[in-house]
N, C-alpha and C. Protein backbone atom coordinates (compact mmCIF):
# COMPACT_ATOMS: atom_id res chain seq x y z
N MET A 1 144.51 213.53 80.70
CA MET A 1 145.34 213.55 79.52
C MET A 1 144.47 213.09 78.35
N ILE A 2 144.32 213.96 77.36
CA ILE A 2 143.54 213.63 76.17
C ILE A 2 144.44 212.87 75.20
N ILE A 3 143.97 211.73 74.75
CA ILE A 3 144.73 210.88 73.83
C ILE A 3 143.96 210.81 72.52
N ALA A 4 144.61 211.19 71.43
CA ALA A 4 143.99 211.12 70.11
C ALA A 4 144.53 209.88 69.40
N PHE A 5 143.65 208.91 69.17
CA PHE A 5 144.02 207.69 68.44
C PHE A 5 143.77 207.95 66.95
N HIS A 6 144.81 207.82 66.15
CA HIS A 6 144.76 208.11 64.72
C HIS A 6 144.71 206.80 63.92
N ARG A 7 143.71 206.68 63.05
CA ARG A 7 143.60 205.49 62.19
C ARG A 7 144.52 205.67 60.98
N GLU A 8 145.36 204.66 60.76
CA GLU A 8 146.28 204.63 59.63
C GLU A 8 145.81 203.58 58.62
N PRO A 9 146.44 203.54 57.46
CA PRO A 9 146.09 202.49 56.48
C PRO A 9 146.40 201.08 57.01
N ARG A 10 145.74 200.09 56.44
CA ARG A 10 145.97 198.68 56.71
C ARG A 10 145.81 198.28 58.18
N GLY A 11 144.86 198.92 58.86
CA GLY A 11 144.56 198.54 60.24
C GLY A 11 145.52 199.06 61.29
N ARG A 12 146.51 199.82 60.89
CA ARG A 12 147.47 200.36 61.86
C ARG A 12 146.86 201.58 62.55
N TYR A 13 147.47 201.99 63.64
CA TYR A 13 147.05 203.20 64.35
C TYR A 13 148.20 203.72 65.19
N HIS A 14 148.09 204.96 65.60
CA HIS A 14 149.01 205.52 66.58
C HIS A 14 148.23 206.52 67.43
N SER A 15 148.81 206.90 68.54
CA SER A 15 148.16 207.90 69.39
C SER A 15 149.13 209.04 69.66
N ILE A 16 148.57 210.22 69.80
CA ILE A 16 149.34 211.42 70.13
C ILE A 16 148.67 212.08 71.32
N PHE A 17 149.49 212.55 72.26
CA PHE A 17 148.95 213.14 73.49
C PHE A 17 150.00 214.03 74.12
N THR A 18 149.54 214.93 74.98
CA THR A 18 150.43 215.79 75.75
C THR A 18 150.39 215.32 77.20
N ARG A 19 151.56 214.92 77.69
CA ARG A 19 151.66 214.47 79.07
C ARG A 19 151.49 215.65 80.03
N PRO A 20 151.19 215.38 81.29
CA PRO A 20 151.06 216.47 82.26
C PRO A 20 152.32 217.34 82.38
N ASP A 21 153.51 216.81 82.04
CA ASP A 21 154.73 217.61 82.11
C ASP A 21 154.95 218.47 80.87
N GLY A 22 154.02 218.44 79.91
CA GLY A 22 154.11 219.28 78.72
C GLY A 22 154.72 218.61 77.51
N ALA A 23 155.26 217.42 77.66
CA ALA A 23 155.85 216.71 76.52
C ALA A 23 154.74 216.17 75.62
N VAL A 24 154.91 216.34 74.31
CA VAL A 24 153.97 215.78 73.34
C VAL A 24 154.60 214.50 72.80
N LEU A 25 153.86 213.41 72.87
CA LEU A 25 154.41 212.11 72.51
C LEU A 25 153.53 211.39 71.50
N LYS A 26 154.16 210.47 70.79
CA LYS A 26 153.45 209.62 69.83
C LYS A 26 153.76 208.17 70.19
N LEU A 27 152.69 207.39 70.34
CA LEU A 27 152.82 205.96 70.62
C LEU A 27 152.32 205.20 69.40
N GLN A 28 153.21 204.45 68.78
CA GLN A 28 152.83 203.66 67.60
C GLN A 28 152.16 202.39 68.07
N GLY A 29 150.92 202.19 67.65
CA GLY A 29 150.18 200.98 68.00
C GLY A 29 150.12 200.04 66.83
N GLY A 30 149.12 199.23 66.79
CA GLY A 30 148.96 198.33 65.66
C GLY A 30 148.24 197.05 65.98
N SER A 31 148.41 196.56 67.21
CA SER A 31 147.75 195.29 67.53
C SER A 31 146.35 195.55 68.07
N TYR A 32 145.54 194.50 68.06
CA TYR A 32 144.15 194.58 68.50
C TYR A 32 143.85 193.45 69.47
N ASN A 33 142.85 193.65 70.33
CA ASN A 33 142.33 192.60 71.19
C ASN A 33 140.97 192.17 70.67
N LYS A 34 140.78 190.86 70.52
CA LYS A 34 139.49 190.31 70.09
C LYS A 34 138.58 190.21 71.30
N LEU A 35 137.32 190.64 71.11
CA LEU A 35 136.34 190.63 72.19
C LEU A 35 135.23 189.64 71.96
N GLY A 36 135.32 188.86 70.91
CA GLY A 36 134.29 187.88 70.57
C GLY A 36 133.29 188.45 69.57
N GLY A 37 132.67 187.56 68.82
CA GLY A 37 131.67 187.97 67.84
C GLY A 37 132.23 188.83 66.73
N GLY A 38 133.51 188.69 66.43
CA GLY A 38 134.12 189.49 65.37
C GLY A 38 134.49 190.90 65.79
N VAL A 39 134.25 191.24 67.05
CA VAL A 39 134.56 192.58 67.56
C VAL A 39 136.01 192.62 68.02
N ARG A 40 136.73 193.66 67.63
CA ARG A 40 138.10 193.85 68.10
C ARG A 40 138.33 195.33 68.37
N VAL A 41 139.22 195.60 69.30
CA VAL A 41 139.50 196.96 69.73
C VAL A 41 141.01 197.17 69.72
N PRO A 42 141.48 198.37 69.35
CA PRO A 42 142.93 198.62 69.42
C PRO A 42 143.46 198.31 70.82
N HIS A 43 144.59 197.63 70.85
CA HIS A 43 145.19 197.18 72.11
C HIS A 43 145.44 198.34 73.08
N ASP A 44 145.88 199.48 72.58
CA ASP A 44 146.18 200.61 73.46
C ASP A 44 144.90 201.22 74.05
N ILE A 45 143.78 201.12 73.33
CA ILE A 45 142.49 201.54 73.88
C ILE A 45 142.05 200.54 74.96
N ALA A 46 142.29 199.25 74.72
CA ALA A 46 141.97 198.24 75.74
C ALA A 46 142.76 198.52 77.02
N HIS A 47 144.03 198.87 76.88
CA HIS A 47 144.84 199.23 78.06
C HIS A 47 144.19 200.39 78.80
N LEU A 48 143.80 201.42 78.09
CA LEU A 48 143.22 202.60 78.71
C LEU A 48 141.99 202.23 79.54
N ILE A 49 141.09 201.48 78.96
CA ILE A 49 139.83 201.13 79.64
C ILE A 49 140.07 200.19 80.82
N VAL A 50 140.83 199.14 80.62
CA VAL A 50 141.07 198.16 81.69
C VAL A 50 141.86 198.80 82.83
N GLU A 51 142.91 199.54 82.51
CA GLU A 51 143.74 200.14 83.55
C GLU A 51 142.95 201.17 84.36
N GLN A 52 142.11 201.96 83.71
CA GLN A 52 141.31 202.95 84.45
C GLN A 52 140.26 202.27 85.32
N THR A 53 139.58 201.28 84.77
CA THR A 53 138.53 200.60 85.53
C THR A 53 139.09 199.91 86.77
N LEU A 54 140.25 199.28 86.62
CA LEU A 54 140.85 198.51 87.72
C LEU A 54 141.87 199.32 88.52
N ALA A 55 142.00 200.62 88.20
CA ALA A 55 142.95 201.51 88.88
C ALA A 55 144.37 200.97 88.86
N LEU A 56 144.80 200.49 87.69
CA LEU A 56 146.16 199.98 87.52
C LEU A 56 147.07 201.16 87.13
N ARG A 57 147.51 201.91 88.11
CA ARG A 57 148.31 203.11 87.85
C ARG A 57 149.71 202.79 87.35
N GLY A 58 150.16 201.56 87.50
CA GLY A 58 151.48 201.18 87.02
C GLY A 58 151.43 200.50 85.67
N GLY A 59 150.30 200.62 84.97
CA GLY A 59 150.17 200.05 83.63
C GLY A 59 150.68 201.02 82.58
N LEU A 60 150.43 200.70 81.33
CA LEU A 60 150.93 201.48 80.20
C LEU A 60 150.64 202.97 80.34
N TRP A 61 149.36 203.34 80.48
CA TRP A 61 149.01 204.76 80.48
C TRP A 61 149.41 205.46 81.76
N GLY A 62 149.39 204.79 82.89
CA GLY A 62 149.85 205.39 84.13
C GLY A 62 151.34 205.69 84.10
N VAL A 63 152.12 204.76 83.57
CA VAL A 63 153.57 204.94 83.46
C VAL A 63 153.88 206.09 82.50
N ILE A 64 153.20 206.11 81.37
CA ILE A 64 153.43 207.19 80.39
C ILE A 64 153.05 208.54 81.00
N ALA A 65 151.89 208.62 81.65
CA ALA A 65 151.45 209.89 82.25
C ALA A 65 152.41 210.37 83.33
N ALA A 66 153.04 209.43 84.04
CA ALA A 66 154.00 209.77 85.09
C ALA A 66 155.35 210.21 84.53
N GLY A 67 155.54 210.06 83.22
CA GLY A 67 156.79 210.48 82.60
C GLY A 67 157.63 209.34 82.08
N GLY A 68 157.15 208.11 82.18
CA GLY A 68 157.91 206.96 81.71
C GLY A 68 157.90 206.81 80.20
N LEU A 69 158.80 206.00 79.71
CA LEU A 69 158.89 205.67 78.29
C LEU A 69 158.66 204.18 78.10
N VAL A 70 158.11 203.82 76.97
CA VAL A 70 157.93 202.42 76.59
C VAL A 70 158.36 202.27 75.14
N MET A 71 158.46 201.03 74.69
CA MET A 71 158.80 200.78 73.30
C MET A 71 157.77 201.46 72.40
N ASN A 72 158.20 201.93 71.26
CA ASN A 72 157.33 202.56 70.25
C ASN A 72 156.77 203.91 70.68
N LEU A 73 157.37 204.54 71.69
CA LEU A 73 156.94 205.86 72.15
C LEU A 73 158.05 206.85 71.83
N GLU A 74 157.68 208.00 71.24
CA GLU A 74 158.69 209.00 70.90
C GLU A 74 158.19 210.40 71.19
N TYR A 75 159.13 211.28 71.54
CA TYR A 75 158.81 212.70 71.70
C TYR A 75 158.57 213.29 70.32
N VAL A 76 157.52 214.11 70.19
CA VAL A 76 157.26 214.78 68.91
C VAL A 76 157.09 216.28 69.08
N GLY A 77 157.16 216.78 70.31
CA GLY A 77 157.04 218.22 70.51
C GLY A 77 156.80 218.57 71.95
N GLY A 78 156.56 219.85 72.16
CA GLY A 78 156.28 220.33 73.50
C GLY A 78 157.53 220.38 74.35
N LYS A 79 157.33 220.45 75.63
CA LYS A 79 158.42 220.58 76.58
C LYS A 79 159.07 219.22 76.83
N LYS A 80 160.37 219.16 76.60
CA LYS A 80 161.13 217.94 76.91
C LYS A 80 161.98 218.25 78.14
N PRO A 81 161.62 217.67 79.26
CA PRO A 81 162.34 217.99 80.50
C PRO A 81 163.83 217.64 80.41
N ALA A 82 164.64 218.36 81.21
CA ALA A 82 166.07 218.07 81.27
C ALA A 82 166.28 216.62 81.70
N HIS A 83 167.25 215.98 81.10
CA HIS A 83 167.56 214.58 81.41
C HIS A 83 166.33 213.68 81.24
N ALA A 84 165.50 214.03 80.30
CA ALA A 84 164.20 213.36 80.12
C ALA A 84 164.33 211.87 79.90
N GLU A 85 165.21 211.47 79.00
CA GLU A 85 165.28 210.04 78.67
C GLU A 85 165.73 209.21 79.87
N GLN A 86 166.78 209.65 80.55
CA GLN A 86 167.28 208.91 81.72
C GLN A 86 166.21 208.84 82.81
N ARG A 87 165.56 209.96 83.09
CA ARG A 87 164.51 210.01 84.11
C ARG A 87 163.32 209.14 83.71
N SER A 88 162.96 209.20 82.43
CA SER A 88 161.81 208.45 81.94
C SER A 88 162.02 206.95 82.03
N TRP A 89 163.21 206.49 81.65
CA TRP A 89 163.46 205.05 81.73
C TRP A 89 163.53 204.59 83.18
N ALA A 90 163.96 205.46 84.10
CA ALA A 90 163.97 205.11 85.52
C ALA A 90 162.53 204.90 86.02
N ILE A 91 161.60 205.74 85.56
CA ILE A 91 160.18 205.58 85.93
C ILE A 91 159.66 204.25 85.40
N THR A 92 159.99 203.95 84.16
CA THR A 92 159.53 202.70 83.54
C THR A 92 160.13 201.50 84.26
N ASP A 93 161.43 201.56 84.55
CA ASP A 93 162.08 200.45 85.25
C ASP A 93 161.45 200.22 86.62
N ALA A 94 161.12 201.30 87.32
CA ALA A 94 160.51 201.18 88.65
C ALA A 94 159.13 200.53 88.56
N ALA A 95 158.43 200.74 87.46
CA ALA A 95 157.10 200.15 87.27
C ALA A 95 157.18 198.67 86.93
N GLY A 96 158.30 198.23 86.37
CA GLY A 96 158.58 196.86 85.96
C GLY A 96 157.47 195.85 86.02
N GLU A 97 157.27 195.25 87.18
CA GLU A 97 156.30 194.16 87.33
C GLU A 97 154.87 194.62 87.09
N THR A 98 154.52 195.83 87.54
CA THR A 98 153.14 196.28 87.35
C THR A 98 152.84 196.58 85.89
N LEU A 99 153.86 197.00 85.15
CA LEU A 99 153.68 197.22 83.71
C LEU A 99 153.43 195.88 83.01
N ARG A 100 154.17 194.87 83.39
CA ARG A 100 153.96 193.53 82.82
C ARG A 100 152.61 192.96 83.28
N GLN A 101 152.25 193.22 84.53
CA GLN A 101 150.97 192.75 85.04
C GLN A 101 149.82 193.33 84.23
N ALA A 102 149.88 194.62 83.92
CA ALA A 102 148.81 195.26 83.14
C ALA A 102 148.65 194.59 81.78
N GLU A 103 149.75 194.21 81.18
CA GLU A 103 149.70 193.53 79.88
C GLU A 103 148.93 192.21 80.00
N VAL A 104 149.23 191.45 81.04
CA VAL A 104 148.56 190.16 81.27
C VAL A 104 147.07 190.38 81.57
N VAL A 105 146.77 191.36 82.40
CA VAL A 105 145.38 191.61 82.80
C VAL A 105 144.54 192.07 81.60
N VAL A 106 145.08 192.95 80.77
CA VAL A 106 144.35 193.41 79.58
C VAL A 106 144.02 192.22 78.69
N ARG A 107 145.00 191.35 78.47
CA ARG A 107 144.76 190.17 77.63
C ARG A 107 143.72 189.25 78.26
N ALA A 108 143.82 189.04 79.57
CA ALA A 108 142.88 188.15 80.26
C ALA A 108 141.45 188.69 80.20
N VAL A 109 141.28 189.99 80.37
CA VAL A 109 139.95 190.59 80.30
C VAL A 109 139.38 190.42 78.90
N ALA A 110 140.18 190.73 77.88
CA ALA A 110 139.71 190.57 76.49
C ALA A 110 139.35 189.11 76.22
N ASP A 111 140.19 188.19 76.67
CA ASP A 111 139.91 186.76 76.45
C ASP A 111 138.64 186.33 77.18
N ALA A 112 138.42 186.86 78.39
CA ALA A 112 137.20 186.53 79.13
C ALA A 112 135.97 187.02 78.37
N LEU A 113 136.05 188.22 77.83
CA LEU A 113 134.93 188.77 77.06
C LEU A 113 134.71 188.00 75.77
N ALA A 114 135.79 187.47 75.21
CA ALA A 114 135.68 186.68 73.97
C ALA A 114 135.26 185.25 74.25
N GLY A 115 135.24 184.87 75.53
CA GLY A 115 134.86 183.51 75.90
C GLY A 115 135.98 182.51 75.77
N THR A 116 137.23 182.99 75.74
CA THR A 116 138.37 182.09 75.58
C THR A 116 139.28 182.05 76.82
N ALA A 117 138.79 182.56 77.95
CA ALA A 117 139.63 182.62 79.15
C ALA A 117 139.57 181.36 79.99
N GLY A 118 138.79 180.39 79.59
CA GLY A 118 138.69 179.18 80.38
C GLY A 118 137.74 179.37 81.54
N SER A 119 138.01 178.66 82.64
CA SER A 119 137.05 178.62 83.74
C SER A 119 137.01 179.87 84.60
N SER A 120 138.14 180.55 84.77
CA SER A 120 138.11 181.74 85.62
C SER A 120 139.07 182.80 85.11
N LEU A 121 138.68 184.04 85.30
CA LEU A 121 139.52 185.16 84.88
C LEU A 121 140.81 185.18 85.69
N ALA A 122 140.72 184.99 87.00
CA ALA A 122 141.92 184.98 87.85
C ALA A 122 142.86 183.86 87.43
N GLY A 123 142.30 182.69 87.12
CA GLY A 123 143.13 181.58 86.66
C GLY A 123 143.82 181.89 85.35
N HIS A 124 143.15 182.62 84.49
CA HIS A 124 143.73 182.99 83.19
C HIS A 124 144.87 184.01 83.38
N MET A 125 144.74 184.86 84.40
CA MET A 125 145.80 185.84 84.68
C MET A 125 147.02 185.16 85.28
N GLY A 126 146.78 184.08 86.00
CA GLY A 126 147.87 183.42 86.71
C GLY A 126 148.02 184.02 88.10
N GLU A 127 148.46 183.21 89.03
CA GLU A 127 148.57 183.63 90.42
C GLU A 127 149.45 184.87 90.58
N ARG A 128 150.54 184.91 89.84
CA ARG A 128 151.49 186.02 89.97
C ARG A 128 150.90 187.36 89.54
N TRP A 129 150.03 187.34 88.54
CA TRP A 129 149.55 188.59 87.94
C TRP A 129 148.12 188.95 88.31
N ALA A 130 147.41 188.06 88.98
CA ALA A 130 145.98 188.26 89.22
C ALA A 130 145.69 189.52 90.03
N VAL A 131 144.66 190.23 89.60
CA VAL A 131 144.11 191.35 90.35
C VAL A 131 142.62 191.05 90.54
N PRO A 132 142.03 191.52 91.63
CA PRO A 132 140.60 191.26 91.82
C PRO A 132 139.76 191.99 90.78
N VAL A 133 138.87 191.26 90.15
CA VAL A 133 137.95 191.83 89.16
C VAL A 133 136.55 191.32 89.50
N THR A 134 135.66 192.24 89.81
CA THR A 134 134.28 191.84 90.11
C THR A 134 133.51 191.62 88.81
N ARG A 135 132.40 190.93 88.93
CA ARG A 135 131.52 190.73 87.76
C ARG A 135 131.08 192.08 87.21
N GLU A 136 130.78 193.02 88.10
CA GLU A 136 130.34 194.36 87.68
C GLU A 136 131.44 195.07 86.89
N GLN A 137 132.69 194.96 87.37
CA GLN A 137 133.81 195.58 86.64
C GLN A 137 133.99 194.95 85.27
N LEU A 138 133.89 193.62 85.21
CA LEU A 138 134.04 192.93 83.93
C LEU A 138 132.94 193.37 82.96
N GLU A 139 131.71 193.47 83.45
CA GLU A 139 130.61 193.92 82.60
C GLU A 139 130.81 195.37 82.16
N LEU A 140 131.28 196.22 83.07
CA LEU A 140 131.55 197.62 82.73
C LEU A 140 132.63 197.71 81.65
N MET A 141 133.74 196.98 81.86
CA MET A 141 134.82 196.99 80.86
C MET A 141 134.33 196.43 79.54
N GLY A 142 133.53 195.38 79.58
CA GLY A 142 132.99 194.80 78.34
C GLY A 142 132.18 195.81 77.56
N GLY A 143 131.31 196.53 78.26
CA GLY A 143 130.50 197.56 77.59
C GLY A 143 131.36 198.68 77.03
N GLN A 144 132.33 199.14 77.82
CA GLN A 144 133.20 200.22 77.37
C GLN A 144 134.08 199.78 76.20
N LEU A 145 134.61 198.56 76.26
CA LEU A 145 135.46 198.07 75.18
C LEU A 145 134.66 197.90 73.89
N ARG A 146 133.47 197.34 73.99
CA ARG A 146 132.63 197.17 72.79
C ARG A 146 132.19 198.51 72.22
N ASN A 147 131.84 199.44 73.11
CA ASN A 147 131.47 200.78 72.67
C ASN A 147 132.64 201.46 71.97
N SER A 148 133.83 201.34 72.54
CA SER A 148 135.02 201.94 71.94
C SER A 148 135.34 201.29 70.60
N ALA A 149 135.15 199.98 70.50
CA ALA A 149 135.38 199.28 69.23
C ALA A 149 134.41 199.80 68.18
N ALA A 150 133.14 199.99 68.55
CA ALA A 150 132.15 200.51 67.60
C ALA A 150 132.50 201.93 67.18
N ARG A 151 132.92 202.75 68.14
CA ARG A 151 133.32 204.12 67.81
C ARG A 151 134.54 204.11 66.89
N TRP A 152 135.51 203.24 67.17
CA TRP A 152 136.72 203.14 66.36
C TRP A 152 136.37 202.72 64.93
N ASN A 153 135.44 201.81 64.80
CA ASN A 153 135.05 201.34 63.46
C ASN A 153 134.41 202.45 62.63
N GLN A 154 133.93 203.50 63.26
CA GLN A 154 133.34 204.64 62.54
C GLN A 154 134.38 205.67 62.12
N VAL A 155 135.61 205.53 62.64
CA VAL A 155 136.67 206.50 62.32
C VAL A 155 137.23 206.18 60.94
N PRO A 156 137.21 207.14 60.02
CA PRO A 156 137.77 206.88 58.69
C PRO A 156 139.30 206.88 58.74
N GLU A 157 139.91 206.29 57.75
CA GLU A 157 141.36 206.32 57.63
C GLU A 157 141.80 207.78 57.64
N GLY A 158 142.78 208.11 58.48
CA GLY A 158 143.24 209.48 58.64
C GLY A 158 142.49 210.23 59.73
N GLY A 159 141.41 209.65 60.26
CA GLY A 159 140.62 210.28 61.31
C GLY A 159 141.12 209.92 62.70
N THR A 160 140.50 210.52 63.70
CA THR A 160 140.92 210.29 65.08
C THR A 160 139.73 209.99 66.00
N LEU A 161 140.05 209.31 67.07
CA LEU A 161 139.11 209.06 68.17
C LEU A 161 139.81 209.56 69.43
N GLU A 162 139.19 210.50 70.13
CA GLU A 162 139.79 211.03 71.36
C GLU A 162 139.22 210.33 72.58
N MET A 163 140.12 210.01 73.50
CA MET A 163 139.75 209.40 74.77
C MET A 163 140.57 210.08 75.86
N THR A 164 140.15 209.90 77.10
CA THR A 164 140.82 210.58 78.21
C THR A 164 141.38 209.58 79.22
N TRP A 165 142.64 209.79 79.60
CA TRP A 165 143.24 209.08 80.72
C TRP A 165 143.13 210.02 81.91
N HIS A 166 142.43 209.59 82.93
CA HIS A 166 142.25 210.40 84.14
C HIS A 166 143.42 210.13 85.07
N THR A 167 144.26 211.14 85.27
CA THR A 167 145.48 210.97 86.05
C THR A 167 145.24 210.99 87.56
N ARG A 168 144.08 211.39 88.00
CA ARG A 168 143.68 211.43 89.42
C ARG A 168 144.84 211.69 90.33
């Protein structure tokens, strides 16, 4: 799934993409994750990188690709399946805990990269939300997040940065 992240005025952004079922959706973003050294990356890009690296299929992008809905997500075109809203919220509800877990993990990874996660990444995630993260995965995510932040910083207002969610 190709996701186009659009830079808006005043640091805002949104993404537009076509789900595998043909629905075209817009996700309004706006928040950022700090990575240390003044580097920050759009939160929804951080979700994409962390969820793909750690295979968190029940996170934001996995739920959306599967047909789920989240806050700030709206249909803007394409094929809207019959009973789409009811079906979509059922997918999101079924993801429940894993969707919340992805939120915690993305924040913990960003905090670890920024040097604010304390003594351990798993401890920062908390026992309930912890997922195994190797040093190699953390380094890979760090490189990808910083690279994406640098690419994002080159996007002019009104421009886009395309990234891919691999639905495997």
